[in-house]
Protein backbone atom coordinates (compact mmCIF):
# COMPACT_ATOMS: atom_id res chain seq x y z
CA UNK A 1 95.60 -127.26 38.00
CA UNK A 2 93.29 -127.40 35.35
CA UNK A 3 94.35 -127.72 31.88
CA UNK A 4 92.74 -125.38 30.21
CA UNK A 5 95.14 -123.49 28.23
CA UNK A 6 93.17 -120.13 28.72
CA UNK A 7 93.87 -120.78 32.01
CA UNK A 8 97.35 -120.73 31.77
CA UNK A 9 99.95 -117.76 32.65
CA UNK A 10 101.63 -116.06 29.98
CA UNK A 11 105.29 -116.99 29.09
CA UNK A 12 108.15 -114.14 27.33
CA UNK A 13 109.48 -116.37 24.19
CA UNK A 14 112.58 -114.46 24.25
CA UNK A 15 113.61 -115.77 27.67
CA UNK A 16 117.11 -117.65 27.90
CA UNK A 17 117.98 -116.00 24.48
CA UNK A 18 121.18 -113.63 24.14
CA UNK A 19 120.72 -109.99 25.75
CA UNK A 20 119.61 -107.57 23.14
CA UNK A 21 122.11 -104.63 22.98
CA UNK A 22 120.37 -100.79 22.78
CA UNK A 23 121.51 -98.86 19.51
CA UNK A 24 124.18 -96.40 20.43
CA UNK A 25 123.37 -92.86 20.99
CA UNK A 26 124.14 -90.87 17.62
CA UNK A 27 127.19 -89.05 17.80
CA UNK A 28 127.75 -85.10 17.63
CA UNK A 29 131.18 -85.00 16.27
CA UNK A 30 131.52 -84.03 12.79
CA UNK A 31 132.16 -86.73 10.56
CA UNK A 32 135.18 -86.08 7.83
CA UNK A 33 135.44 -88.64 4.91
CA UNK A 34 139.14 -88.43 3.11
CA UNK A 35 139.22 -88.75 -0.49
CA UNK A 36 142.53 -90.00 -2.20
CA UNK A 37 142.86 -88.69 -5.65
CA UNK A 38 144.83 -90.63 -7.81
CA UNK A 39 148.44 -89.29 -8.48
CA UNK A 40 149.12 -87.57 -11.77
CA UNK A 41 151.88 -89.36 -13.60
CA UNK A 42 153.97 -86.33 -14.28
CA UNK A 43 157.14 -87.97 -15.82
CA UNK A 44 155.69 -87.18 -19.56
CA UNK A 45 155.75 -83.95 -19.16
CA UNK A 46 159.27 -84.07 -17.65
CA UNK A 47 160.39 -85.74 -21.01
CA UNK A 48 158.69 -83.50 -22.97
CA UNK A 49 160.40 -80.50 -21.46
CA UNK A 50 163.97 -81.90 -21.52
CA UNK A 51 163.15 -83.17 -25.08
CA UNK A 52 162.54 -79.35 -26.09
CA UNK A 53 165.68 -77.76 -23.95
CA UNK A 54 167.49 -80.30 -25.96
CA UNK A 55 165.80 -79.56 -29.14
CA UNK A 56 166.78 -76.10 -28.79
CA UNK A 57 170.30 -76.49 -27.56
CA UNK A 58 170.60 -78.60 -30.92
CA UNK A 59 169.43 -75.82 -33.10
CA UNK A 60 171.33 -73.22 -31.55
CA UNK A 61 174.22 -75.47 -31.88
CA UNK A 62 173.51 -75.65 -35.17
CA UNK A 63 173.27 -71.92 -35.52
CA UNK A 64 176.10 -71.18 -33.96
CA UNK A 65 178.47 -73.27 -36.12
CA UNK A 66 177.17 -72.85 -39.60
CA UNK A 67 179.28 -69.34 -40.03
CA UNK A 68 182.07 -70.94 -38.62
CA UNK A 69 181.77 -74.20 -40.94
CA UNK A 70 182.19 -72.17 -43.82
CA UNK A 71 185.39 -70.49 -42.73
CA UNK A 72 187.08 -72.83 -40.76
CA UNK A 73 189.16 -75.19 -41.17
CA UNK A 74 191.59 -73.09 -43.30
CA UNK A 75 194.95 -73.54 -45.21
CA UNK A 76 197.28 -71.31 -47.22
CA UNK A 77 198.40 -71.08 -50.44
CA UNK A 78 200.48 -68.52 -52.27
CA UNK A 79 201.89 -68.60 -55.95
CA UNK A 80 204.31 -66.61 -57.74
CA UNK A 81 201.42 -64.07 -58.06
CA UNK A 82 198.44 -63.18 -56.09
CA UNK A 83 195.84 -60.17 -56.48
CA UNK A 84 197.90 -58.70 -59.19
CA UNK A 85 201.25 -58.51 -57.24
CA UNK A 86 204.32 -60.24 -58.03
CA UNK A 87 206.32 -62.35 -54.99
CA UNK A 88 209.76 -60.99 -54.76
CA UNK A 89 212.63 -63.66 -53.68
CA UNK A 90 215.98 -63.14 -52.47
CA UNK A 91 217.85 -64.80 -49.77
CA UNK A 92 217.42 -61.95 -46.85
CA UNK A 93 213.67 -61.73 -47.78
CA UNK A 94 213.19 -65.74 -47.51
CA UNK A 95 215.13 -66.14 -44.59
CA UNK A 96 213.05 -63.32 -42.76
CA UNK A 97 209.93 -64.82 -44.03
CA UNK A 98 210.58 -68.36 -43.04
CA UNK A 99 211.27 -67.19 -39.27
CA UNK A 100 208.34 -64.69 -38.98
CA UNK A 101 206.42 -68.02 -39.96
CA UNK A 102 208.28 -70.08 -37.16
CA UNK A 103 207.02 -67.50 -34.77
CA UNK A 104 203.37 -67.82 -35.78
CA UNK A 105 203.35 -71.51 -34.91
CA UNK A 106 205.51 -70.66 -31.97
CA UNK A 107 203.86 -67.93 -30.36
CA UNK A 108 200.77 -68.35 -32.14
CA UNK A 109 199.68 -71.45 -32.11
CA UNK A 110 198.62 -71.46 -35.56
CA UNK A 111 197.21 -74.33 -37.62
CA UNK A 112 199.32 -72.80 -40.85
CA UNK A 113 201.43 -69.41 -41.53
CA UNK A 114 202.69 -67.21 -44.54
CA UNK A 115 204.78 -64.28 -44.76
CA UNK A 116 205.70 -62.89 -47.96
CA UNK A 117 206.84 -60.02 -49.50
CA UNK A 118 204.99 -58.46 -53.09
CA UNK A 119 205.48 -56.00 -55.72
CA UNK A 120 203.21 -53.98 -57.93
CA UNK A 121 204.96 -54.69 -61.29
CA UNK A 122 203.38 -51.69 -62.52
CA UNK A 123 204.73 -49.74 -59.68
CA UNK A 124 207.65 -51.40 -57.81
CA UNK A 125 207.85 -49.04 -55.10
CA UNK A 126 204.51 -49.89 -54.22
CA UNK A 127 205.27 -53.32 -51.98
CA UNK A 128 203.50 -55.16 -49.55
CA UNK A 129 204.46 -57.53 -46.34
CA UNK A 130 201.93 -60.26 -46.47
CA UNK A 131 201.40 -62.14 -43.06
CA UNK A 132 198.63 -64.48 -42.75
CA UNK A 133 197.94 -67.53 -40.40
CA UNK A 134 194.92 -69.77 -40.05
CA UNK A 135 193.58 -70.68 -36.41
CA UNK A 136 190.06 -70.87 -35.27
CA UNK A 137 188.35 -67.79 -34.26
CA UNK A 138 185.01 -67.77 -32.53
CA UNK A 139 184.82 -64.00 -32.12
CA UNK A 140 186.47 -61.98 -35.04
CA UNK A 141 184.83 -59.04 -34.62
CA UNK A 142 186.19 -59.12 -30.64
CA UNK A 143 189.69 -59.56 -32.12
CA UNK A 144 190.29 -57.73 -35.14
CA UNK A 145 192.08 -54.38 -33.65
CA UNK A 146 193.72 -56.79 -31.30
CA UNK A 147 195.22 -58.58 -34.13
CA UNK A 148 196.44 -55.14 -35.52
CA UNK A 149 198.01 -54.58 -32.58
CA UNK A 150 199.88 -57.51 -32.53
CA UNK A 151 201.24 -57.44 -35.76
CA UNK A 152 202.47 -53.62 -35.74
CA UNK A 153 204.07 -52.20 -32.55
CA UNK A 154 204.07 -48.63 -33.37
CA UNK A 155 200.73 -46.78 -32.56
CA UNK A 156 197.76 -46.76 -35.49
CA UNK A 157 196.09 -43.98 -35.96
CA UNK A 158 192.94 -43.30 -38.07
CA UNK A 159 191.84 -46.53 -37.97
CA UNK A 160 189.06 -47.22 -41.01
CA UNK A 161 186.76 -50.09 -40.88
CA UNK A 162 186.00 -51.87 -44.55
CA UNK A 163 183.66 -54.54 -43.52
CA UNK A 164 181.68 -53.19 -46.67
CA UNK A 165 184.59 -54.96 -48.51
CA UNK A 166 182.88 -58.39 -47.74
CA UNK A 167 185.39 -59.39 -44.66
CA UNK A 168 186.30 -58.05 -41.57
CA UNK A 169 188.62 -55.82 -42.16
CA UNK A 170 190.16 -52.47 -41.00
CA UNK A 171 193.39 -50.07 -42.13
CA UNK A 172 195.43 -47.46 -40.07
CA UNK A 173 197.71 -44.87 -40.69
CA UNK A 174 201.26 -45.71 -38.56
CA UNK A 175 204.99 -45.86 -39.01
CA UNK A 176 207.91 -48.38 -39.35
CA UNK A 177 210.70 -48.55 -36.91
CA UNK A 178 212.90 -46.00 -39.87
CA UNK A 179 209.86 -43.72 -39.25
CA UNK A 180 208.53 -44.35 -42.73
CA UNK A 181 204.76 -43.72 -43.02
CA UNK A 182 202.85 -47.01 -43.87
CA UNK A 183 199.32 -48.11 -43.97
CA UNK A 184 198.49 -51.45 -42.33
CA UNK A 185 195.78 -53.11 -42.81
CA UNK A 186 194.31 -56.59 -40.87
CA UNK A 187 191.67 -59.08 -41.59
CA UNK A 188 189.91 -61.55 -39.45
CA UNK A 189 187.26 -64.14 -40.00
CA UNK A 190 186.60 -67.58 -38.23
CA UNK A 191 189.28 -69.51 -39.76
CA UNK A 192 192.27 -66.87 -40.61
CA UNK A 193 193.89 -63.60 -39.89
CA UNK A 194 196.02 -61.77 -41.86
CA UNK A 195 198.12 -58.51 -42.03
CA UNK A 196 199.44 -56.05 -45.13
CA UNK A 197 201.83 -53.73 -44.27
CA UNK A 198 201.72 -51.53 -47.55
CA UNK A 199 204.81 -49.16 -48.58
CA UNK A 200 204.86 -46.62 -51.22
CA UNK A 201 202.09 -44.74 -53.19
CA UNK A 202 199.33 -46.41 -51.44
CA UNK A 203 195.80 -44.75 -50.00
CA UNK A 204 193.83 -46.49 -47.49
CA UNK A 205 191.26 -47.57 -49.84
CA UNK A 206 193.74 -49.10 -52.15
CA UNK A 207 195.50 -51.38 -49.22
CA UNK A 208 192.37 -52.15 -48.24
CA UNK A 209 191.21 -53.83 -51.45
CA UNK A 210 193.99 -55.31 -51.99
CA UNK A 211 194.38 -56.96 -48.74
CA UNK A 212 191.05 -58.21 -49.12
CA UNK A 213 191.95 -59.90 -52.57
CA UNK A 214 195.12 -61.31 -51.11
CA UNK A 215 193.02 -62.73 -48.49
CA UNK A 216 190.62 -64.19 -51.61
CA UNK A 217 193.89 -65.43 -53.23
CA UNK A 218 195.86 -67.29 -50.60
CA UNK A 219 193.17 -68.62 -48.20
CA UNK A 220 191.65 -71.95 -49.26
CA UNK A 221 188.66 -73.46 -46.78
CA UNK A 222 188.37 -76.95 -45.55
């Protein structure tokens, strides 16, 4: 055999190496790429909404309570004169007044109570039976006519609103248990309720004005 390299048979240089795997055929299936977005943190918005609701509630409570705080709590004080009228004392009147006050505490659950009879010093036939109590009333306008009915058992007619005088105040015509004509008036606010039963030569306007003045004279706030 000739050693001439030009006459040697060709040799495959990859003989003995690992088999080469052909590349895979391209897939015909669609390729779906999932993109995961970072979740937004919602709790700051939740806190902001809750804080806003809380603020609205606080403001609403303050607005609701301001008119109540001007009139409640309250107590009653009556001297020997009030609104130009003189207080009458005798054993029978004082005993009846004391009994009425006891009933106010027992049946009405009042914080304070007052009952008295007053007369006009210039016209003694003009008398007023004054009844008053203190208590918290959340809705005075709704309860005023009921207050008149609670004070007076007889039917009350010609009920007139005297809110123009300042407080919630109404008056009406009625009769007592002896069929004597009288005028009954009542006021009601967030901290007090009162009624006047007017005997004698009173007009309804006079009675309303007098009860307004009696309210100012006997009710003490705070």
